[in-house]
Amino acid sequence: MARITVEDCLQKVDNRFLIVQMAIKRVKQYREGYEPLIASGNKEVVTALREIAAGKVLPAASIIEAGIIIDK
């Protein structure tokens, strides 16, 4: 598989801070027993970034304090 980068994720979510927070949350979910949404033989954080880049994981709501506004 090709390398995954934050730039790949920026095509789906336009805020680096939010991408990192989303990836952290997914890693915690894996450790609680959630299954990955894509097939990947990589480490948890790489799998989380791949899910974000694939559009399988999206932010749930706006975070006004961080300047993140999600239009629905």
PDB file of N, CA and C in Angstrom:
ATOM      1  N   MET A   1       0.825  -1.185   0.000  1.00  0.00           N
ATOM      2  CA  MET A   1       0.000   0.000   0.000  1.00  0.00           C
ATOM      3  C   MET A   1       0.869   1.247   0.000  1.00  0.00           C
ATOM      4  N   ALA A   2       0.338   2.278  -0.565  1.00  0.00           N
ATOM      5  CA  ALA A   2       1.043   3.551  -0.591  1.00  0.00           C
ATOM      6  C   ALA A   2       1.032   4.191   0.792  1.00  0.00           C
ATOM      7  N   ARG A   3       1.931   5.095   1.017  1.00  0.00           N
ATOM      8  CA  ARG A   3       1.982   5.805   2.297  1.00  0.00           C
ATOM      9  C   ARG A   3       0.748   6.678   2.460  1.00  0.00           C
ATOM     10  N   ILE A   4       0.316   6.826   3.690  1.00  0.00           N
ATOM     11  CA  ILE A   4      -0.788   7.736   4.013  1.00  0.00           C
ATOM     12  C   ILE A   4      -0.190   8.960   4.700  1.00  0.00           C
ATOM     13  N   THR A   5      -0.677  10.128   4.336  1.00  0.00           N
ATOM     14  CA  THR A   5      -0.167  11.358   4.942  1.00  0.00           C
ATOM     15  C   THR A   5      -1.334  12.216   5.409  1.00  0.00           C
ATOM     16  N   VAL A   6      -1.019  13.193   6.223  1.00  0.00           N
ATOM     17  CA  VAL A   6      -2.038  14.134   6.678  1.00  0.00           C
ATOM     18  C   VAL A   6      -2.605  14.890   5.475  1.00  0.00           C
ATOM     19  N   GLU A   7      -1.773  15.129   4.470  1.00  0.00           N
ATOM     20  CA  GLU A   7      -2.249  15.821   3.268  1.00  0.00           C
ATOM     21  C   GLU A   7      -3.363  15.034   2.578  1.00  0.00           C
ATOM     22  N   ASP A   8      -3.279  13.704   2.613  1.00  0.00           N
ATOM     23  CA  ASP A   8      -4.350  12.880   2.051  1.00  0.00           C
ATOM     24  C   ASP A   8      -5.649  13.110   2.815  1.00  0.00           C
ATOM     25  N   CYS A   9      -5.547  13.235   4.116  1.00  0.00           N
ATOM     26  CA  CYS A   9      -6.719  13.451   4.964  1.00  0.00           C
ATOM     27  C   CYS A   9      -7.293  14.857   4.783  1.00  0.00           C
ATOM     28  N   LEU A  10      -6.427  15.823   4.474  1.00  0.00           N
ATOM     29  CA  LEU A  10      -6.875  17.204   4.309  1.00  0.00           C
ATOM     30  C   LEU A  10      -7.841  17.365   3.140  1.00  0.00           C
ATOM     31  N   GLN A  11      -7.878  16.406   2.241  1.00  0.00           N
ATOM     32  CA  GLN A  11      -8.833  16.457   1.134  1.00  0.00           C
ATOM     33  C   GLN A  11     -10.256  16.199   1.628  1.00  0.00           C
ATOM     34  N   LYS A  12     -10.408  15.514   2.766  1.00  0.00           N
ATOM     35  CA  LYS A  12     -11.716  15.213   3.335  1.00  0.00           C
ATOM     36  C   LYS A  12     -12.072  16.123   4.514  1.00  0.00           C
ATOM     37  N   VAL A  13     -11.073  16.438   5.337  1.00  0.00           N
ATOM     38  CA  VAL A  13     -11.256  17.287   6.515  1.00  0.00           C
ATOM     39  C   VAL A  13     -10.201  18.381   6.434  1.00  0.00           C
ATOM     40  N   ASP A  14     -10.628  19.631   6.413  1.00  0.00           N
ATOM     41  CA  ASP A  14      -9.683  20.709   6.115  1.00  0.00           C
ATOM     42  C   ASP A  14      -9.000  21.346   7.330  1.00  0.00           C
ATOM     43  N   ASN A  15      -8.881  20.605   8.410  1.00  0.00           N
ATOM     44  CA  ASN A  15      -8.256  21.150   9.607  1.00  0.00           C
ATOM     45  C   ASN A  15      -7.340  20.088  10.216  1.00  0.00           C
ATOM     46  N   ARG A  16      -6.038  20.371  10.256  1.00  0.00           N
ATOM     47  CA  ARG A  16      -5.062  19.401  10.771  1.00  0.00           C
ATOM     48  C   ARG A  16      -5.334  19.028  12.225  1.00  0.00           C
ATOM     49  N   PHE A  17      -5.698  20.010  13.032  1.00  0.00           N
ATOM     50  CA  PHE A  17      -6.000  19.745  14.439  1.00  0.00           C
ATOM     51  C   PHE A  17      -7.133  18.729  14.550  1.00  0.00           C
ATOM     52  N   LEU A  18      -8.165  18.914  13.765  1.00  0.00           N
ATOM     53  CA  LEU A  18      -9.316  18.021  13.801  1.00  0.00           C
ATOM     54  C   LEU A  18      -8.943  16.614  13.320  1.00  0.00           C
ATOM     55  N   ILE A  19      -8.088  16.521  12.313  1.00  0.00           N
ATOM     56  CA  ILE A  19      -7.641  15.208  11.827  1.00  0.00           C
ATOM     57  C   ILE A  19      -6.932  14.445  12.939  1.00  0.00           C
ATOM     58  N   VAL A  20      -6.057  15.127  13.650  1.00  0.00           N
ATOM     59  CA  VAL A  20      -5.327  14.483  14.748  1.00  0.00           C
ATOM     60  C   VAL A  20      -6.291  14.033  15.836  1.00  0.00           C
ATOM     61  N   GLN A  21      -7.242  14.881  16.199  1.00  0.00           N
ATOM     62  CA  GLN A  21      -8.212  14.525  17.228  1.00  0.00           C
ATOM     63  C   GLN A  21      -9.067  13.326  16.792  1.00  0.00           C
ATOM     64  N   MET A  22      -9.466  13.314  15.521  1.00  0.00           N
ATOM     65  CA  MET A  22     -10.260  12.206  14.997  1.00  0.00           C
ATOM     66  C   MET A  22      -9.462  10.905  15.023  1.00  0.00           C
ATOM     67  N   ALA A  23      -8.192  10.973  14.634  1.00  0.00           N
ATOM     68  CA  ALA A  23      -7.343   9.781  14.630  1.00  0.00           C
ATOM     69  C   ALA A  23      -7.144   9.252  16.047  1.00  0.00           C
ATOM     70  N   ILE A  24      -6.933  10.143  17.005  1.00  0.00           N
ATOM     71  CA  ILE A  24      -6.774   9.730  18.405  1.00  0.00           C
ATOM     72  C   ILE A  24      -8.038   9.023  18.892  1.00  0.00           C
ATOM     73  N   LYS A  25      -9.187   9.585  18.572  1.00  0.00           N
ATOM     74  CA  LYS A  25     -10.445   8.986  19.005  1.00  0.00           C
ATOM     75  C   LYS A  25     -10.630   7.599  18.392  1.00  0.00           C
ATOM     76  N   ARG A  26     -10.287   7.439  17.103  1.00  0.00           N
ATOM     77  CA  ARG A  26     -10.426   6.126  16.462  1.00  0.00           C
ATOM     78  C   ARG A  26      -9.495   5.105  17.107  1.00  0.00           C
ATOM     79  N   VAL A  27      -8.257   5.493  17.404  1.00  0.00           N
ATOM     80  CA  VAL A  27      -7.323   4.568  18.056  1.00  0.00           C
ATOM     81  C   VAL A  27      -7.891   4.122  19.400  1.00  0.00           C
ATOM     82  N   LYS A  28      -8.454   5.051  20.163  1.00  0.00           N
ATOM     83  CA  LYS A  28      -9.071   4.689  21.445  1.00  0.00           C
ATOM     84  C   LYS A  28     -10.228   3.733  21.222  1.00  0.00           C
ATOM     85  N   GLN A  29     -11.017   3.946  20.157  1.00  0.00           N
ATOM     86  CA  GLN A  29     -12.131   3.057  19.860  1.00  0.00           C
ATOM     87  C   GLN A  29     -11.641   1.656  19.507  1.00  0.00           C
ATOM     88  N   TYR A  30     -10.554   1.549  18.739  1.00  0.00           N
ATOM     89  CA  TYR A  30      -9.999   0.229  18.418  1.00  0.00           C
ATOM     90  C   TYR A  30      -9.631  -0.508  19.701  1.00  0.00           C
ATOM     91  N   ARG A  31      -9.024   0.209  20.609  1.00  0.00           N
ATOM     92  CA  ARG A  31      -8.566  -0.410  21.864  1.00  0.00           C
ATOM     93  C   ARG A  31      -9.732  -0.805  22.765  1.00  0.00           C
ATOM     94  N   GLU A  32     -10.905  -0.192  22.527  1.00  0.00           N
ATOM     95  CA  GLU A  32     -12.119  -0.565  23.274  1.00  0.00           C
ATOM     96  C   GLU A  32     -12.851  -1.723  22.604  1.00  0.00           C
ATOM     97  N   GLY A  33     -12.380  -2.147  21.422  1.00  0.00           N
ATOM     98  CA  GLY A  33     -12.981  -3.289  20.763  1.00  0.00           C
ATOM     99  C   GLY A  33     -13.690  -3.015  19.446  1.00  0.00           C
ATOM    100  N   TYR A  34     -13.719  -1.757  19.004  1.00  0.00           N
ATOM    101  CA  TYR A  34     -14.340  -1.436  17.717  1.00  0.00           C
ATOM    102  C   TYR A  34     -13.503  -2.017  16.581  1.00  0.00           C
ATOM    103  N   GLU A  35     -14.165  -2.434  15.526  1.00  0.00           N
ATOM    104  CA  GLU A  35     -13.481  -2.969  14.354  1.00  0.00           C
ATOM    105  C   GLU A  35     -13.140  -1.832  13.388  1.00  0.00           C
ATOM    106  N   PRO A  36     -11.996  -1.926  12.701  1.00  0.00           N
ATOM    107  CA  PRO A  36     -11.662  -0.923  11.677  1.00  0.00           C
ATOM    108  C   PRO A  36     -12.689  -0.946  10.539  1.00  0.00           C
ATOM    109  N   LEU A  37     -12.900   0.194   9.913  1.00  0.00           N
ATOM    110  CA  LEU A  37     -13.861   0.313   8.823  1.00  0.00           C
ATOM    111  C   LEU A  37     -13.255  -0.049   7.469  1.00  0.00           C
ATOM    112  N   ILE A  38     -11.929  -0.194   7.428  1.00  0.00           N
ATOM    113  CA  ILE A  38     -11.245  -0.609   6.208  1.00  0.00           C
ATOM    114  C   ILE A  38     -10.268  -1.722   6.552  1.00  0.00           C
ATOM    115  N   ALA A  39      -9.942  -2.534   5.560  1.00  0.00           N
ATOM    116  CA  ALA A  39      -8.958  -3.596   5.773  1.00  0.00           C
ATOM    117  C   ALA A  39      -7.563  -2.983   5.718  1.00  0.00           C
ATOM    118  N   SER A  40      -6.796  -3.211   6.776  1.00  0.00           N
ATOM    119  CA  SER A  40      -5.445  -2.653   6.841  1.00  0.00           C
ATOM    120  C   SER A  40      -4.606  -3.498   7.781  1.00  0.00           C
ATOM    121  N   GLY A  41      -3.404  -3.797   7.373  1.00  0.00           N
ATOM    122  CA  GLY A  41      -2.487  -4.551   8.219  1.00  0.00           C
ATOM    123  C   GLY A  41      -1.506  -3.634   8.928  1.00  0.00           C
ATOM    124  N   ASN A  42      -1.850  -2.360   9.011  1.00  0.00           N
ATOM    125  CA  ASN A  42      -0.959  -1.367   9.603  1.00  0.00           C
ATOM    126  C   ASN A  42      -1.251  -1.146  11.076  1.00  0.00           C
ATOM    127  N   LYS A  43      -0.438  -0.300  11.693  1.00  0.00           N
ATOM    128  CA  LYS A  43      -0.667   0.088  13.088  1.00  0.00           C
ATOM    129  C   LYS A  43      -1.962   0.877  13.189  1.00  0.00           C
ATOM    130  N   GLU A  44      -2.469   0.973  14.409  1.00  0.00           N
ATOM    131  CA  GLU A  44      -3.770   1.605  14.647  1.00  0.00           C
ATOM    132  C   GLU A  44      -3.859   3.024  14.114  1.00  0.00           C
ATOM    133  N   VAL A  45      -2.831   3.834  14.352  1.00  0.00           N
ATOM    134  CA  VAL A  45      -2.891   5.234  13.934  1.00  0.00           C
ATOM    135  C   VAL A  45      -2.908   5.352  12.410  1.00  0.00           C
ATOM    136  N   VAL A  46      -2.186   4.489  11.724  1.00  0.00           N
ATOM    137  CA  VAL A  46      -2.175   4.513  10.262  1.00  0.00           C
ATOM    138  C   VAL A  46      -3.544   4.085   9.730  1.00  0.00           C
ATOM    139  N   THR A  47      -4.128   3.074  10.347  1.00  0.00           N
ATOM    140  CA  THR A  47      -5.462   2.629   9.948  1.00  0.00           C
ATOM    141  C   THR A  47      -6.472   3.754  10.146  1.00  0.00           C
ATOM    142  N   ALA A  48      -6.375   4.473  11.259  1.00  0.00           N
ATOM    143  CA  ALA A  48      -7.282   5.595  11.518  1.00  0.00           C
ATOM    144  C   ALA A  48      -7.131   6.676  10.447  1.00  0.00           C
ATOM    145  N   LEU A  49      -5.904   7.008  10.081  1.00  0.00           N
ATOM    146  CA  LEU A  49      -5.678   8.011   9.036  1.00  0.00           C
ATOM    147  C   LEU A  49      -6.203   7.526   7.686  1.00  0.00           C
ATOM    148  N   ARG A  50      -6.046   6.237   7.399  1.00  0.00           N
ATOM    149  CA  ARG A  50      -6.578   5.682   6.147  1.00  0.00           C
ATOM    150  C   ARG A  50      -8.103   5.795   6.113  1.00  0.00           C
ATOM    151  N   GLU A  51      -8.756   5.557   7.250  1.00  0.00           N
ATOM    152  CA  GLU A  51     -10.212   5.694   7.321  1.00  0.00           C
ATOM    153  C   GLU A  51     -10.639   7.140   7.063  1.00  0.00           C
ATOM    154  N   ILE A  52      -9.915   8.080   7.632  1.00  0.00           N
ATOM    155  CA  ILE A  52     -10.242   9.498   7.440  1.00  0.00           C
ATOM    156  C   ILE A  52     -10.044   9.877   5.976  1.00  0.00           C
ATOM    157  N   ALA A  53      -8.921   9.473   5.379  1.00  0.00           N
ATOM    158  CA  ALA A  53      -8.632   9.801   3.982  1.00  0.00           C
ATOM    159  C   ALA A  53      -9.651   9.171   3.039  1.00  0.00           C
ATOM    160  N   ALA A  54     -10.190   8.000   3.424  1.00  0.00           N
ATOM    161  CA  ALA A  54     -11.178   7.314   2.590  1.00  0.00           C
ATOM    162  C   ALA A  54     -12.580   7.890   2.773  1.00  0.00           C
ATOM    163  N   GLY A  55     -12.733   8.793   3.738  1.00  0.00           N
ATOM    164  CA  GLY A  55     -14.045   9.387   3.985  1.00  0.00           C
ATOM    165  C   GLY A  55     -14.964   8.503   4.805  1.00  0.00           C
ATOM    166  N   LYS A  56     -14.409   7.476   5.436  1.00  0.00           N
ATOM    167  CA  LYS A  56     -15.209   6.566   6.267  1.00  0.00           C
ATOM    168  C   LYS A  56     -15.489   7.154   7.646  1.00  0.00           C
ATOM    169  N   VAL A  57     -14.629   8.072   8.092  1.00  0.00           N
ATOM    170  CA  VAL A  57     -14.779   8.724   9.384  1.00  0.00           C
ATOM    171  C   VAL A  57     -14.830  10.226   9.133  1.00  0.00           C
ATOM    172  N   LEU A  58     -15.895  10.849   9.589  1.00  0.00           N
ATOM    173  CA  LEU A  58     -16.074  12.288   9.400  1.00  0.00           C
ATOM    174  C   LEU A  58     -16.364  12.946  10.745  1.00  0.00           C
ATOM    175  N   PRO A  59     -16.053  14.237  10.884  1.00  0.00           N
ATOM    176  CA  PRO A  59     -16.359  14.930  12.142  1.00  0.00           C
ATOM    177  C   PRO A  59     -17.867  14.980  12.363  1.00  0.00           C
ATOM    178  N   ALA A  60     -18.266  14.859  13.618  1.00  0.00           N
ATOM    179  CA  ALA A  60     -19.690  14.796  13.944  1.00  0.00           C
ATOM    180  C   ALA A  60     -20.331  16.160  14.091  1.00  0.00           C
ATOM    181  N   ALA A  61     -19.588  17.133  14.599  1.00  0.00           N
ATOM    182  CA  ALA A  61     -20.204  18.422  14.897  1.00  0.00           C
ATOM    183  C   ALA A  61     -19.167  19.537  14.847  1.00  0.00           C
ATOM    184  N   SER A  62     -19.665  20.749  14.824  1.00  0.00           N
ATOM    185  CA  SER A  62     -18.796  21.925  14.830  1.00  0.00           C
ATOM    186  C   SER A  62     -18.166  22.115  16.209  1.00  0.00           C
ATOM    187  N   ILE A  63     -16.967  22.666  16.202  1.00  0.00           N
ATOM    188  CA  ILE A  63     -16.294  23.021  17.453  1.00  0.00           C
ATOM    189  C   ILE A  63     -15.971  24.507  17.337  1.00  0.00           C
ATOM    190  N   ILE A  64     -16.878  25.317  17.823  1.00  0.00           N
ATOM    191  CA  ILE A  64     -16.774  26.760  17.661  1.00  0.00           C
ATOM    192  C   ILE A  64     -15.485  27.310  18.269  1.00  0.00           C
ATOM    193  N   GLU A  65     -15.098  26.816  19.455  1.00  0.00           N
ATOM    194  CA  GLU A  65     -13.918  27.321  20.144  1.00  0.00           C
ATOM    195  C   GLU A  65     -12.648  27.113  19.332  1.00  0.00           C
ATOM    196  N   ALA A  66     -12.606  26.066  18.538  1.00  0.00           N
ATOM    197  CA  ALA A  66     -11.421  25.764  17.736  1.00  0.00           C
ATOM    198  C   ALA A  66     -11.514  26.355  16.337  1.00  0.00           C
ATOM    199  N   GLY A  67     -12.618  27.040  16.041  1.00  0.00           N
ATOM    200  CA  GLY A  67     -12.786  27.627  14.724  1.00  0.00           C
ATOM    201  C   GLY A  67     -13.172  26.613  13.661  1.00  0.00           C
ATOM    202  N   ILE A  68     -13.730  25.471  14.088  1.00  0.00           N
ATOM    203  CA  ILE A  68     -14.112  24.406  13.165  1.00  0.00           C
ATOM    204  C   ILE A  68     -15.610  24.450  12.978  1.00  0.00           C
ATOM    205  N   ILE A  69     -16.045  24.780  11.775  1.00  0.00           N
ATOM    206  CA  ILE A  69     -17.459  24.874  11.477  1.00  0.00           C
ATOM    207  C   ILE A  69     -17.798  23.820  10.430  1.00  0.00           C
ATOM    208  N   ILE A  70     -18.711  22.930  10.744  1.00  0.00           N
ATOM    209  CA  ILE A  70     -19.140  21.875   9.834  1.00  0.00           C
ATOM    210  C   ILE A  70     -20.499  22.259   9.272  1.00  0.00           C
ATOM    211  N   ASP A  71     -20.569  22.468   7.960  1.00  0.00           N
ATOM    212  CA  ASP A  71     -21.841  22.781   7.311  1.00  0.00           C
ATOM    213  C   ASP A  71     -22.570  21.488   7.001  1.00  0.00           C
ATOM    214  N   LYS A  72     -23.809  21.408   7.449  1.00  0.00           N
ATOM    215  CA  LYS A  72     -24.603  20.193   7.180  1.00  0.00           C
ATOM    216  C   LYS A  72     -25.740  20.501   6.266  1.00  0.00           C
TER     217      LYS A  72
END
